[in-house]
Every structure is written in C-alpha cells, then in structure tokens.
Amino acid sequence: MAKVEIPELTQEGSKRRIWSSSNGRSSTSSADRERRAQKEKVWNIVRNRETYCE
C-alpha cells in the first residue's frame, strides 16, 4: 500500500511515525492501519491549519 500518498502525511515527523508504526506492527489488520492513517491525516490537517493561521 502507498503510505505517503496524502500530502498532509509527507511532513517529516509524521511520516517517520507512520512508517515506524506500520513496520513494527505488520500483524495489524489493514482496517486498523487505515483507521490510524485516517486519524493521523485529520490531526495533520488541524496542525497545518493552526500553522497557516499564525
């Protein structure tokens, strides 16, 4: 699966966190990984919005 296909996730810190979590827990179901990626995406959007507003 393409892990870095969402622009919000290409920020270095969050990308490293996603890679390490998916690499360290390959037994996790794809649905779980999908949910985590979705949550991560939302948080990054919120963080980006705060940065832009400053």
C-alpha atoms as a PDB file:
ATOM      1  CA  MET A   1       0.000   0.000   0.000  1.00  0.00           C
ATOM      2  CA  ALA A   2       1.187   3.519  -0.767  1.00  0.00           C
ATOM      3  CA  LYS A   3       1.841   5.042   2.626  1.00  0.00           C
ATOM      4  CA  VAL A   4       2.770   8.538   1.534  1.00  0.00           C
ATOM      5  CA  GLU A   5       0.007   9.355  -0.903  1.00  0.00           C
ATOM      6  CA  ILE A   6      -1.687  12.028   1.255  1.00  0.00           C
ATOM      7  CA  PRO A   7       0.157  15.396   1.133  1.00  0.00           C
ATOM      8  CA  GLU A   8      -0.584  16.086   4.793  1.00  0.00           C
ATOM      9  CA  LEU A   9       1.351  12.971   5.747  1.00  0.00           C
ATOM     10  CA  THR A  10       4.556  13.890   3.928  1.00  0.00           C
ATOM     11  CA  GLN A  11       5.741  16.112   6.772  1.00  0.00           C
ATOM     12  CA  GLU A  12       8.904  14.548   8.064  1.00  0.00           C
ATOM     13  CA  GLY A  13       7.907  13.891  11.667  1.00  0.00           C
ATOM     14  CA  SER A  14       4.519  12.329  10.987  1.00  0.00           C
ATOM     15  CA  LYS A  15       5.878  10.323   8.059  1.00  0.00           C
ATOM     16  CA  ARG A  16       8.532   8.777  10.272  1.00  0.00           C
ATOM     17  CA  ARG A  17       5.956   7.946  12.944  1.00  0.00           C
ATOM     18  CA  ILE A  18       3.650   6.231  10.422  1.00  0.00           C
ATOM     19  CA  TRP A  19       6.498   4.265   8.885  1.00  0.00           C
ATOM     20  CA  SER A  20       7.768   3.031  12.241  1.00  0.00           C
ATOM     21  CA  SER A  21       4.309   2.073  13.472  1.00  0.00           C
ATOM     22  CA  SER A  22       3.395   0.155  10.309  1.00  0.00           C
ATOM     23  CA  ASN A  23       6.803  -1.502  10.113  1.00  0.00           C
ATOM     24  CA  GLY A  24       6.860  -2.538  13.756  1.00  0.00           C
ATOM     25  CA  ARG A  25       3.339  -3.959  13.722  1.00  0.00           C
ATOM     26  CA  SER A  26       2.879  -5.797  10.435  1.00  0.00           C
ATOM     27  CA  SER A  27       0.360  -8.066  12.174  1.00  0.00           C
ATOM     28  CA  THR A  28      -2.094  -5.170  12.463  1.00  0.00           C
ATOM     29  CA  SER A  29      -5.138  -5.586  10.250  1.00  0.00           C
ATOM     30  CA  SER A  30      -5.409  -3.309   7.222  1.00  0.00           C
ATOM     31  CA  ALA A  31      -8.609  -1.840   8.668  1.00  0.00           C
ATOM     32  CA  ASP A  32      -6.711  -0.853  11.805  1.00  0.00           C
ATOM     33  CA  ARG A  33      -3.933   0.685   9.747  1.00  0.00           C
ATOM     34  CA  GLU A  34      -6.499   2.514   7.621  1.00  0.00           C
ATOM     35  CA  ARG A  35      -8.207   3.924  10.714  1.00  0.00           C
ATOM     36  CA  ARG A  36      -4.882   5.058  12.178  1.00  0.00           C
ATOM     37  CA  ALA A  37      -3.877   6.699   8.907  1.00  0.00           C
ATOM     38  CA  GLN A  38      -7.224   8.494   8.764  1.00  0.00           C
ATOM     39  CA  LYS A  39      -6.804   9.781  12.324  1.00  0.00           C
ATOM     40  CA  GLU A  40      -3.253  10.848  11.510  1.00  0.00           C
ATOM     41  CA  LYS A  41      -4.468  12.674   8.415  1.00  0.00           C
ATOM     42  CA  VAL A  42      -7.080  14.611  10.384  1.00  0.00           C
ATOM     43  CA  TRP A  43      -4.573  15.622  13.038  1.00  0.00           C
ATOM     44  CA  ASN A  44      -2.098  16.797  10.415  1.00  0.00           C
ATOM     45  CA  ILE A  45      -4.762  18.902   8.727  1.00  0.00           C
ATOM     46  CA  VAL A  46      -5.625  20.504  12.065  1.00  0.00           C
ATOM     47  CA  ARG A  47      -1.948  21.131  12.800  1.00  0.00           C
ATOM     48  CA  ASN A  48      -1.400  22.593   9.350  1.00  0.00           C
ATOM     49  CA  ARG A  49      -4.391  24.883   9.701  1.00  0.00           C
ATOM     50  CA  GLU A  50      -3.061  26.215  13.000  1.00  0.00           C
ATOM     51  CA  THR A  51       0.311  26.849  11.395  1.00  0.00           C
ATOM     52  CA  TYR A  52      -1.241  28.715   8.473  1.00  0.00           C
ATOM     53  CA  CYS A  53      -3.350  30.885  10.758  1.00  0.00           C
ATOM     54  CA  GLU A  54      -0.358  32.212  12.690  1.00  0.00           C
END
